[in-house]
Protein backbone atom coordinates (compact mmCIF):
# COMPACT_ATOMS: atom_id res chain seq x y z
CA MET A 1 -2.18 11.92 30.88
CA SER A 2 -5.14 9.78 31.96
CA ARG A 3 -4.53 6.70 34.06
CA SER A 4 -5.69 4.44 31.23
CA ARG A 5 -3.30 6.13 28.84
CA ARG A 6 -0.45 5.81 31.36
CA LEU A 7 -1.06 2.10 31.82
CA LEU A 8 -1.10 1.62 28.06
CA GLU A 9 2.20 3.49 27.75
CA LEU A 10 3.70 1.27 30.47
CA VAL A 11 2.66 -1.89 28.61
CA GLN A 12 4.07 -0.54 25.34
CA THR A 13 7.31 0.52 27.02
CA LEU A 14 7.80 -2.93 28.50
CA ARG A 15 7.09 -4.51 25.11
CA ARG A 16 9.94 -2.53 23.57
CA HIS A 17 12.50 -4.03 25.93
CA ARG A 18 13.71 -7.62 25.70
CA HIS A 19 15.66 -7.38 28.95
CA PRO A 20 14.54 -6.27 32.44
CA VAL A 21 14.06 -2.53 32.95
CA THR A 22 14.38 -1.01 36.40
CA ALA A 23 11.50 0.83 38.04
CA ALA A 24 13.57 4.01 38.05
CA GLN A 25 14.12 3.79 34.29
CA LEU A 26 10.44 3.10 33.64
CA ALA A 27 9.35 5.94 35.89
CA GLU A 28 11.67 8.34 34.07
CA MET A 29 10.43 7.20 30.64
CA LEU A 30 6.81 7.70 31.66
CA GLY A 31 7.34 10.85 33.68
CA VAL A 32 5.85 9.46 36.90
CA SER A 33 7.06 8.82 40.42
CA ILE A 34 8.49 5.48 41.54
CA ARG A 35 5.49 4.98 43.82
CA THR A 36 3.07 5.53 40.92
CA LEU A 37 5.11 3.14 38.77
CA TYR A 38 4.90 0.38 41.38
CA ARG A 39 1.15 0.95 41.73
CA ASP A 40 0.66 0.76 37.96
CA ILE A 41 2.61 -2.50 37.75
CA ASP A 42 0.43 -3.97 40.50
CA THR A 43 -2.67 -2.85 38.59
CA LEU A 44 -1.49 -4.48 35.38
CA ARG A 45 -0.60 -7.69 37.16
CA ALA A 46 -4.06 -7.75 38.71
CA GLU A 47 -5.48 -7.50 35.15
CA GLY A 48 -3.45 -10.54 34.14
CA ALA A 49 -0.35 -8.94 32.66
CA PRO A 50 2.59 -11.40 32.89
CA ILE A 51 5.08 -8.86 34.25
CA GLU A 52 8.07 -10.60 35.81
CA GLY A 53 10.63 -9.09 38.15
CA GLU A 54 10.67 -7.07 41.36
CA ALA A 55 11.93 -3.85 42.87
CA GLY A 56 15.69 -3.49 42.58
CA LEU A 57 16.00 -6.11 39.81
CA GLY A 58 13.86 -4.72 37.03
CA TYR A 59 10.73 -5.78 35.16
CA ILE A 60 10.00 -7.55 31.90
CA LEU A 61 6.75 -8.36 30.09
CA ARG A 62 6.44 -11.87 28.69
CA PRO A 63 5.53 -11.92 24.95
CA GLY A 64 1.97 -12.46 23.77
CA PHE A 65 0.14 -10.32 26.30
CA LEU A 66 -2.86 -8.31 25.11
CA LEU A 67 -4.92 -6.23 27.48
CA PRO A 68 -8.21 -5.52 25.67
CA PRO A 69 -9.36 -2.43 27.62
CA LEU A 70 -6.03 -0.71 27.05
CA MET A 71 -5.14 -1.77 23.53
CA PHE A 72 -5.96 1.61 21.95
CA SER A 73 -4.66 5.12 22.56
CA GLU A 74 -6.94 8.16 22.27
CA ASP A 75 -5.74 8.85 18.72
CA GLU A 76 -6.30 5.22 17.77
CA ILE A 77 -9.81 5.24 19.24
CA GLU A 78 -10.65 8.42 17.33
CA SER A 79 -9.33 6.88 14.11
CA LEU A 80 -11.35 3.71 14.59
CA ALA A 81 -14.52 5.56 15.55
CA LEU A 82 -14.23 7.94 12.60
CA GLY A 83 -13.58 5.11 10.17
CA LEU A 84 -16.47 3.03 11.47
CA ARG A 85 -18.85 5.99 11.30
CA TRP A 86 -17.78 6.51 7.69
CA VAL A 87 -18.72 2.88 7.00
CA ILE A 88 -22.06 3.29 8.81
CA ASP A 89 -22.99 6.37 6.77
CA ARG A 90 -21.59 5.40 3.38
CA THR A 91 -21.95 1.66 2.77
CA ASP A 92 -24.69 -0.91 2.39
CA GLY A 93 -26.92 -1.98 5.26
CA ALA A 94 -25.10 -5.22 6.07
CA MET A 95 -21.71 -3.55 6.34
CA ALA A 96 -23.17 -0.60 8.25
CA LEU A 97 -24.67 -3.00 10.79
CA ALA A 98 -21.32 -4.78 11.14
CA ALA A 99 -19.63 -1.41 11.74
CA ARG A 100 -22.18 -0.49 14.44
CA ASP A 101 -21.57 -3.83 16.15
CA ALA A 102 -17.80 -3.36 15.97
CA LEU A 103 -18.06 0.14 17.44
CA ALA A 104 -20.23 -1.18 20.28
CA LYS A 105 -17.72 -3.97 21.01
CA ILE A 106 -14.85 -1.49 21.14
CA ALA A 107 -16.76 0.80 23.49
CA ALA A 108 -17.68 -2.14 25.74
CA VAL A 109 -14.06 -3.00 26.52
CA LEU A 110 -12.80 0.54 26.98
CA PRO A 111 -12.25 2.03 30.43
CA GLN A 112 -14.87 4.56 31.47
CA ASP A 113 -12.63 7.57 30.92
CA MET A 114 -11.97 6.55 27.31
CA ARG A 115 -15.51 5.67 26.30
CA ALA A 116 -16.32 9.33 25.75
CA VAL A 117 -13.60 9.43 23.09
CA ALA A 118 -15.33 6.68 21.14
CA ALA A 119 -18.79 8.13 21.73
CA GLY A 120 -18.01 11.61 20.46
CA SER A 121 -14.54 12.79 19.50
CA GLY A 122 -15.55 16.05 17.83
CA LEU A 123 -14.53 14.68 14.43
CA ILE A 124 -17.45 15.25 12.08
CA LEU A 125 -18.32 13.56 8.80
CA PRO A 126 -20.21 15.72 6.29
CA PRO A 127 -23.71 14.54 5.31
CA VAL A 128 -24.07 12.42 2.20
CA ALA A 129 -26.85 11.93 -0.28
CA GLN A 130 -29.28 9.08 0.22
CA PRO A 131 -27.79 5.78 -1.04
CA SER A 132 -28.85 4.66 -4.49
CA MET A 133 -30.33 1.30 -5.42
CA ALA A 134 -26.78 0.22 -6.29
CA GLU A 135 -26.09 -0.16 -2.57
CA ALA A 136 -28.32 -3.23 -2.56
CA ARG A 137 -25.85 -4.98 -4.86
CA LEU A 138 -22.82 -4.36 -2.66
CA PRO A 139 -23.28 -7.36 -0.32
CA ASP A 140 -23.33 -9.74 -3.33
CA LEU A 141 -20.29 -8.03 -4.81
CA ARG A 142 -18.39 -8.25 -1.54
CA ARG A 143 -19.32 -11.93 -1.22
CA ALA A 144 -18.07 -12.59 -4.75
CA ILE A 145 -14.80 -10.81 -4.02
CA ARG A 146 -14.23 -12.74 -0.79
CA SER A 147 -14.99 -16.11 -2.40
CA GLU A 148 -13.27 -15.26 -5.73
CA ARG A 149 -16.40 -16.04 -7.78
CA ARG A 150 -17.16 -15.08 -11.34
CA VAL A 151 -20.08 -12.67 -11.72
CA ARG A 152 -22.47 -12.21 -14.61
CA ILE A 153 -23.70 -8.64 -14.98
CA ARG A 154 -25.78 -6.53 -17.32
CA TYR A 155 -23.98 -3.21 -17.52
CA ALA A 156 -25.03 0.15 -18.94
CA ASP A 157 -22.46 2.61 -20.22
CA GLY A 158 -22.66 6.38 -19.83
CA GLY A 159 -25.02 6.62 -22.80
CA GLY A 160 -27.36 3.95 -21.51
CA ALA A 161 -26.31 1.17 -23.93
CA GLU A 162 -26.31 -2.20 -22.15
CA SER A 163 -23.98 -5.17 -22.57
CA ALA A 164 -23.72 -8.60 -20.93
CA ARG A 165 -20.46 -9.26 -19.14
CA VAL A 166 -18.81 -11.96 -17.05
CA ILE A 167 -16.27 -10.41 -14.71
CA TRP A 168 -13.79 -11.49 -12.03
CA PRO A 169 -14.27 -8.90 -9.27
CA PHE A 170 -11.34 -8.49 -6.91
CA ALA A 171 -11.78 -5.02 -5.38
CA LEU A 172 -14.50 -2.53 -4.54
CA ALA A 173 -13.67 1.17 -4.32
CA PHE A 174 -15.82 3.46 -2.16
CA PHE A 175 -15.67 6.93 -3.65
CA GLU A 176 -17.73 9.70 -2.10
CA GLN A 177 -20.47 9.61 -4.74
CA VAL A 178 -20.05 6.24 -6.50
CA ARG A 179 -18.92 2.69 -5.81
CA VAL A 180 -16.61 1.14 -8.39
CA VAL A 181 -15.97 -2.57 -8.97
CA VAL A 182 -12.45 -3.40 -10.12
CA ALA A 183 -12.47 -6.60 -12.16
CA TRP A 184 -11.09 -8.59 -15.05
CA CYS A 185 -13.65 -8.50 -17.86
CA GLU A 186 -13.92 -11.65 -19.99
CA LEU A 187 -15.60 -9.72 -22.80
CA ARG A 188 -12.85 -7.09 -23.06
CA GLN A 189 -10.04 -9.43 -21.94
CA GLY A 190 -8.64 -6.80 -19.66
CA TYR A 191 -9.02 -4.96 -16.37
CA ARG A 192 -12.04 -2.70 -16.21
CA HIS A 193 -13.79 -0.50 -13.62
CA PHE A 194 -17.58 -0.77 -13.36
CA ARG A 195 -19.75 1.74 -11.57
CA ALA A 196 -22.09 -0.15 -9.26
CA ASP A 197 -24.98 2.18 -10.06
CA ARG A 198 -24.74 1.20 -13.73
CA ILE A 199 -25.09 -2.53 -13.05
CA ALA A 200 -28.63 -3.33 -14.13
CA ALA A 201 -28.52 -7.00 -13.11
CA LEU A 202 -26.07 -9.19 -11.22
CA GLU A 203 -25.64 -12.92 -10.62
CA VAL A 204 -22.84 -14.49 -8.59
CA LEU A 205 -21.85 -17.71 -10.36
CA GLU A 206 -20.87 -20.94 -8.63
CA ASP A 207 -17.48 -21.36 -10.28
CA ARG A 208 -14.43 -19.49 -9.07
CA TYR A 209 -12.33 -17.44 -11.42
CA PRO A 210 -9.06 -19.13 -12.45
CA ARG A 211 -6.61 -16.76 -10.78
CA ARG A 212 -6.24 -15.81 -7.13
CA ARG A 213 -7.54 -12.43 -6.06
CA HIS A 214 -4.19 -11.19 -4.74
CA ALA A 215 -2.54 -12.03 -8.10
CA LEU A 216 -5.17 -10.05 -9.98
CA MET A 217 -4.74 -7.15 -7.58
CA LYS A 218 -0.98 -7.17 -8.05
CA ASP A 219 -1.22 -7.22 -11.85
CA TRP A 220 -3.86 -4.49 -11.83
CA GLN A 221 -1.72 -2.27 -9.61
CA GLN A 222 1.24 -2.71 -11.93
CA ALA A 223 -0.91 -1.91 -14.96
CA GLU A 224 -2.35 1.15 -13.22
CA ARG A 225 1.11 2.59 -12.60
CA ILE A 226 1.98 2.13 -16.25
CA ALA A 227 -1.24 3.03 -18.01
CA GLY A 228 -3.31 4.83 -15.38
CA ILE A 229 -6.96 4.16 -14.52
CA ALA A 230 -9.47 3.73 -17.32
CA THR A 231 -13.13 3.46 -16.26
CA ASP A 232 -15.02 1.05 -18.51
CA GLY A 233 -17.67 3.04 -20.32
CA ASN A 234 -18.06 1.13 -23.58
């Protein structure tokens, strides 16, 4: 176990206990010597950890402590790095840039021996096709979802026939090949799924839709369990 990992385990072990834990108990839990345990506690205190207690009496960590360089385990770092690289490769430019910035911020606060995990974990994402023009519409769709705005679209079905719609978008699904907007459709008076690459034109309106996004999501999820998913193609 790396030193960074050991210090993280010590913090997490202390968090699990509401009452003082002796150095001997902590050392046994972590599989280290008493001397190493004392040294690790001194290191954490030097980093600002509010660990109270002393040898012979036990130690306790006051609530609310967060140590940024040690907040992630190796598995957690790999998960974050893999997820962010997925976003970088498979979303629109604005979100990809945000993911790159987030990955850089995570790497900046990691100890040196854990930065290599974030830089290259050996977990590989397969290549994807070049993004379609639909990707350019994703920032506007995400903005509409966040602000709960109605959206006017011109939508083409599978046969190419177009229709004008006003929708209440509340979710955006990122499938491997397509992006799908989940929304309430005023024209159809029901929940519909719209492929982003079939949206010929899009305008985010100023007025908000009359229901909250989380309520729409809840109703849609209930309807999906009952009736399944039906992609809007008419």
